[in-house]
N, C-alpha and C. Protein backbone atom coordinates (compact mmCIF):
# COMPACT_ATOMS: atom_id res chain seq x y z
N LEU A 1 -56.07 77.25 113.55
CA LEU A 1 -56.22 78.28 114.57
C LEU A 1 -57.58 78.17 115.23
N CYS A 2 -57.60 78.45 116.52
CA CYS A 2 -58.86 78.37 117.27
C CYS A 2 -59.60 79.70 117.20
N CYS A 3 -60.90 79.59 117.14
CA CYS A 3 -61.70 80.81 117.08
C CYS A 3 -62.69 80.88 118.25
N HIS A 4 -62.55 80.00 119.19
CA HIS A 4 -63.47 79.98 120.33
C HIS A 4 -63.13 81.09 121.31
N SER A 5 -64.15 81.76 121.80
CA SER A 5 -63.91 82.85 122.74
C SER A 5 -64.15 82.43 124.19
N VAL A 6 -64.55 81.19 124.39
CA VAL A 6 -64.78 80.70 125.74
C VAL A 6 -63.45 80.20 126.30
N THR A 7 -63.12 80.66 127.50
CA THR A 7 -61.90 80.21 128.19
C THR A 7 -62.29 79.68 129.55
N LYS A 8 -61.36 78.98 130.20
CA LYS A 8 -61.69 78.50 131.54
C LYS A 8 -61.91 79.68 132.48
N GLU A 9 -61.19 80.78 132.24
CA GLU A 9 -61.38 81.98 133.07
C GLU A 9 -62.76 82.60 132.85
N SER A 10 -63.19 82.66 131.58
CA SER A 10 -64.50 83.26 131.31
C SER A 10 -65.63 82.38 131.86
N LEU A 11 -65.48 81.06 131.77
CA LEU A 11 -66.49 80.17 132.33
C LEU A 11 -66.54 80.31 133.85
N SER A 12 -65.38 80.38 134.48
CA SER A 12 -65.33 80.55 135.95
C SER A 12 -66.03 81.83 136.37
N LYS A 13 -65.77 82.90 135.65
CA LYS A 13 -66.36 84.21 135.96
C LYS A 13 -67.89 84.17 135.82
N VAL A 14 -68.35 83.59 134.72
CA VAL A 14 -69.80 83.50 134.47
C VAL A 14 -70.48 82.66 135.56
N LEU A 15 -69.87 81.53 135.89
CA LEU A 15 -70.46 80.66 136.91
C LEU A 15 -70.49 81.35 138.27
N ALA A 16 -69.41 82.06 138.60
CA ALA A 16 -69.36 82.78 139.89
C ALA A 16 -70.45 83.85 139.96
N GLU A 17 -70.75 84.47 138.83
CA GLU A 17 -71.77 85.52 138.79
C GLU A 17 -73.19 84.95 138.80
N ARG A 18 -73.39 83.80 138.17
CA ARG A 18 -74.75 83.30 137.93
C ARG A 18 -75.22 82.18 138.85
N LEU A 19 -74.29 81.40 139.41
CA LEU A 19 -74.69 80.27 140.24
C LEU A 19 -74.67 80.66 141.71
N LYS A 20 -75.84 80.73 142.30
CA LYS A 20 -75.96 81.14 143.70
C LYS A 20 -75.31 80.09 144.60
N GLY A 21 -74.71 80.56 145.67
CA GLY A 21 -74.14 79.65 146.67
C GLY A 21 -72.93 78.88 146.19
N LEU A 22 -72.29 79.33 145.11
CA LEU A 22 -71.13 78.62 144.57
C LEU A 22 -69.97 78.69 145.55
N GLN A 23 -69.49 77.52 145.98
CA GLN A 23 -68.38 77.47 146.94
C GLN A 23 -67.08 77.03 146.30
N GLN A 24 -67.18 76.19 145.30
CA GLN A 24 -66.00 75.74 144.57
C GLN A 24 -66.32 75.76 143.09
N CYS A 25 -65.37 76.20 142.30
CA CYS A 25 -65.54 76.21 140.85
C CYS A 25 -64.20 75.89 140.22
N ILE A 26 -64.09 74.66 139.72
CA ILE A 26 -62.87 74.25 139.04
C ILE A 26 -63.25 74.02 137.57
N VAL A 27 -62.59 74.72 136.69
CA VAL A 27 -62.84 74.58 135.26
C VAL A 27 -61.54 74.10 134.62
N VAL A 28 -61.62 72.99 133.90
CA VAL A 28 -60.46 72.43 133.23
C VAL A 28 -60.70 72.44 131.73
N ASP A 29 -59.79 73.05 130.99
CA ASP A 29 -59.87 73.06 129.53
C ASP A 29 -59.27 71.74 129.04
N THR A 30 -60.11 70.86 128.53
CA THR A 30 -59.65 69.54 128.07
C THR A 30 -59.40 69.52 126.56
N SER A 31 -59.41 70.70 125.95
CA SER A 31 -59.21 70.79 124.50
C SER A 31 -57.78 71.20 124.14
N GLY A 32 -56.91 71.25 125.13
CA GLY A 32 -55.54 71.66 124.85
C GLY A 32 -55.40 73.16 124.65
N GLY A 33 -56.29 73.91 125.26
CA GLY A 33 -56.21 75.37 125.18
C GLY A 33 -57.05 75.98 124.06
N CYS A 34 -57.74 75.15 123.32
CA CYS A 34 -58.53 75.64 122.19
C CYS A 34 -59.87 76.23 122.62
N GLY A 35 -60.36 75.84 123.80
CA GLY A 35 -61.63 76.39 124.28
C GLY A 35 -62.85 75.69 123.73
N SER A 36 -62.68 74.45 123.28
CA SER A 36 -63.83 73.74 122.72
C SER A 36 -64.35 72.62 123.61
N ALA A 37 -63.60 72.28 124.68
CA ALA A 37 -64.01 71.20 125.58
C ALA A 37 -63.59 71.54 127.00
N PHE A 38 -64.52 71.35 127.93
CA PHE A 38 -64.26 71.69 129.33
C PHE A 38 -64.85 70.66 130.27
N GLU A 39 -64.20 70.54 131.44
CA GLU A 39 -64.74 69.79 132.56
C GLU A 39 -65.03 70.80 133.66
N LEU A 40 -66.20 70.69 134.28
CA LEU A 40 -66.56 71.56 135.39
C LEU A 40 -66.70 70.74 136.66
N TYR A 41 -66.18 71.28 137.74
CA TYR A 41 -66.37 70.71 139.07
C TYR A 41 -66.97 71.83 139.90
N LEU A 42 -68.26 71.69 140.22
CA LEU A 42 -68.99 72.77 140.88
C LEU A 42 -69.57 72.31 142.20
N VAL A 43 -69.43 73.16 143.21
CA VAL A 43 -69.97 72.86 144.54
C VAL A 43 -70.85 74.03 144.95
N SER A 44 -72.11 73.73 145.25
CA SER A 44 -73.04 74.78 145.63
C SER A 44 -74.11 74.24 146.57
N LYS A 45 -74.52 75.07 147.52
CA LYS A 45 -75.64 74.72 148.40
C LYS A 45 -76.93 74.60 147.60
N GLU A 46 -76.97 75.25 146.43
CA GLU A 46 -78.16 75.21 145.56
C GLU A 46 -78.45 73.78 145.07
N PHE A 47 -77.45 72.91 145.11
CA PHE A 47 -77.62 71.54 144.63
C PHE A 47 -78.24 70.63 145.69
N ASP A 48 -78.37 71.12 146.91
CA ASP A 48 -78.95 70.33 148.00
C ASP A 48 -80.37 69.89 147.67
N GLY A 49 -80.64 68.61 147.72
CA GLY A 49 -81.99 68.09 147.47
C GLY A 49 -82.41 68.13 146.01
N VAL A 50 -81.46 68.40 145.10
CA VAL A 50 -81.76 68.48 143.67
C VAL A 50 -81.14 67.27 142.97
N SER A 51 -81.90 66.63 142.09
CA SER A 51 -81.39 65.44 141.38
C SER A 51 -80.22 65.83 140.48
N LEU A 52 -79.42 64.83 140.14
CA LEU A 52 -78.25 65.05 139.28
C LEU A 52 -78.67 65.66 137.95
N LEU A 53 -79.73 65.13 137.36
CA LEU A 53 -80.21 65.65 136.08
C LEU A 53 -80.61 67.12 136.20
N GLU A 54 -81.32 67.46 137.26
CA GLU A 54 -81.74 68.85 137.46
C GLU A 54 -80.54 69.77 137.73
N ARG A 55 -79.54 69.28 138.42
CA ARG A 55 -78.32 70.07 138.66
C ARG A 55 -77.68 70.43 137.33
N HIS A 56 -77.56 69.42 136.47
CA HIS A 56 -76.94 69.65 135.15
C HIS A 56 -77.77 70.61 134.32
N ARG A 57 -79.08 70.48 134.40
CA ARG A 57 -79.96 71.42 133.67
C ARG A 57 -79.78 72.84 134.19
N MET A 58 -79.66 72.97 135.50
CA MET A 58 -79.44 74.31 136.10
C MET A 58 -78.20 74.95 135.50
N VAL A 59 -77.11 74.20 135.47
CA VAL A 59 -75.83 74.73 134.97
C VAL A 59 -75.93 75.00 133.47
N GLN A 60 -76.54 74.10 132.72
CA GLN A 60 -76.68 74.30 131.28
C GLN A 60 -77.51 75.55 130.98
N ASN A 61 -78.54 75.80 131.76
CA ASN A 61 -79.35 77.00 131.57
C ASN A 61 -78.55 78.26 131.87
N LEU A 62 -77.66 78.20 132.85
CA LEU A 62 -76.83 79.35 133.20
C LEU A 62 -75.80 79.64 132.10
N LEU A 63 -75.42 78.60 131.37
CA LEU A 63 -74.36 78.72 130.36
C LEU A 63 -74.89 78.60 128.94
N LYS A 64 -76.15 78.95 128.73
CA LYS A 64 -76.78 78.78 127.40
C LYS A 64 -75.95 79.34 126.26
N GLU A 65 -75.52 80.58 126.39
CA GLU A 65 -74.76 81.22 125.30
C GLU A 65 -73.38 80.60 125.14
N GLU A 66 -72.73 80.32 126.26
CA GLU A 66 -71.38 79.75 126.23
C GLU A 66 -71.38 78.35 125.60
N ILE A 67 -72.41 77.57 125.92
CA ILE A 67 -72.49 76.19 125.44
C ILE A 67 -72.57 76.15 123.91
N LYS A 68 -73.14 77.17 123.31
CA LYS A 68 -73.24 77.22 121.85
C LYS A 68 -71.86 77.20 121.19
N GLN A 69 -70.83 77.64 121.93
CA GLN A 69 -69.47 77.73 121.38
C GLN A 69 -68.58 76.56 121.80
N ILE A 70 -69.12 75.66 122.60
CA ILE A 70 -68.33 74.56 123.16
C ILE A 70 -68.76 73.25 122.51
N HIS A 71 -67.79 72.41 122.17
CA HIS A 71 -68.11 71.11 121.57
C HIS A 71 -68.41 70.05 122.63
N ALA A 72 -67.71 70.13 123.76
CA ALA A 72 -67.89 69.11 124.80
C ALA A 72 -67.83 69.75 126.18
N LEU A 73 -68.79 69.36 127.02
CA LEU A 73 -68.83 69.89 128.38
C LEU A 73 -69.24 68.77 129.31
N SER A 74 -68.36 68.44 130.24
CA SER A 74 -68.74 67.46 131.26
C SER A 74 -68.70 68.16 132.60
N MET A 75 -69.54 67.70 133.53
CA MET A 75 -69.57 68.39 134.81
C MET A 75 -69.83 67.45 135.96
N LYS A 76 -69.25 67.83 137.09
CA LYS A 76 -69.53 67.20 138.37
C LYS A 76 -70.19 68.29 139.20
N THR A 77 -71.37 68.00 139.70
CA THR A 77 -72.11 68.99 140.48
C THR A 77 -72.38 68.41 141.86
N TRP A 78 -71.75 68.99 142.86
CA TRP A 78 -71.81 68.44 144.21
C TRP A 78 -72.30 69.45 145.23
N THR A 79 -72.92 68.92 146.29
CA THR A 79 -73.25 69.74 147.45
C THR A 79 -71.97 69.89 148.27
N PRO A 80 -71.92 70.85 149.20
CA PRO A 80 -70.73 70.98 150.04
C PRO A 80 -70.40 69.68 150.79
N GLU A 81 -71.42 68.97 151.23
CA GLU A 81 -71.19 67.71 151.94
C GLU A 81 -70.56 66.66 151.02
N GLN A 82 -71.06 66.58 149.79
CA GLN A 82 -70.48 65.65 148.82
C GLN A 82 -69.04 66.04 148.48
N TRP A 83 -68.79 67.33 148.34
CA TRP A 83 -67.45 67.84 148.02
C TRP A 83 -66.45 67.41 149.09
N ASN A 84 -66.84 67.54 150.34
CA ASN A 84 -65.93 67.19 151.44
C ASN A 84 -65.50 65.73 151.36
N LYS A 85 -66.36 64.86 150.85
CA LYS A 85 -66.00 63.44 150.70
C LYS A 85 -65.20 63.21 149.43
N LYS A 86 -65.58 63.87 148.35
CA LYS A 86 -64.99 63.58 147.04
C LYS A 86 -63.64 64.26 146.82
N LYS A 87 -63.43 65.43 147.43
CA LYS A 87 -62.19 66.17 147.13
C LYS A 87 -60.94 65.40 147.54
N LEU A 88 -61.06 64.53 148.51
CA LEU A 88 -59.91 63.74 148.95
C LEU A 88 -59.46 62.75 147.88
N LYS A 89 -60.38 62.40 146.98
CA LYS A 89 -60.08 61.41 145.94
C LYS A 89 -59.67 62.06 144.62
N LEU A 90 -59.75 63.37 144.54
CA LEU A 90 -59.40 64.07 143.30
C LEU A 90 -57.88 64.24 143.20
N PRO A 91 -57.35 64.25 141.98
CA PRO A 91 -55.90 64.47 141.81
C PRO A 91 -55.50 65.85 142.31
N LYS A 92 -54.34 65.93 142.93
CA LYS A 92 -53.86 67.21 143.47
C LYS A 92 -53.79 68.27 142.37
N GLU A 93 -53.40 67.85 141.16
CA GLU A 93 -53.28 68.80 140.05
C GLU A 93 -54.63 69.48 139.77
N LEU A 94 -55.68 68.73 139.94
CA LEU A 94 -57.02 69.28 139.70
C LEU A 94 -57.34 70.34 140.74
N LEU A 95 -57.02 70.08 141.96
CA LEU A 95 -57.28 71.05 143.02
C LEU A 95 -56.43 72.30 142.83
N ASP A 96 -55.27 72.16 142.19
CA ASP A 96 -54.44 73.32 141.89
C ASP A 96 -55.05 74.20 140.79
N GLU A 97 -55.98 73.62 140.02
CA GLU A 97 -56.67 74.35 138.95
C GLU A 97 -57.73 75.28 139.51
N LYS A 98 -58.03 75.11 140.78
CA LYS A 98 -59.15 75.81 141.42
C LYS A 98 -59.17 77.29 141.08
N GLN A 99 -60.34 77.78 140.69
CA GLN A 99 -60.49 79.17 140.29
C GLN A 99 -61.03 80.04 141.42
N SER A 100 -61.88 79.47 142.28
CA SER A 100 -62.48 80.28 143.34
C SER A 100 -62.70 79.45 144.57
């Protein structure tokens, strides 16, 4: 039985509340519903001019408490301009996961 309290819905809600300028937030539970592994696809104007490493640090700092309960977290952090190019290459199923 799973005891994790983090869900894709709770992660989406937290990110929407804490990440300024968030335009897209896709959270995929890659743990089979257990809540121990997630993929994040985040688009924000806040990422403009920020290195990839710093973008990831920004998100990790926003999710400090949640990360303690997660075994694996991967993320794609894009500016709106990058999103417009990359979204065409993403699987349709992923875009259907879109939370906001």
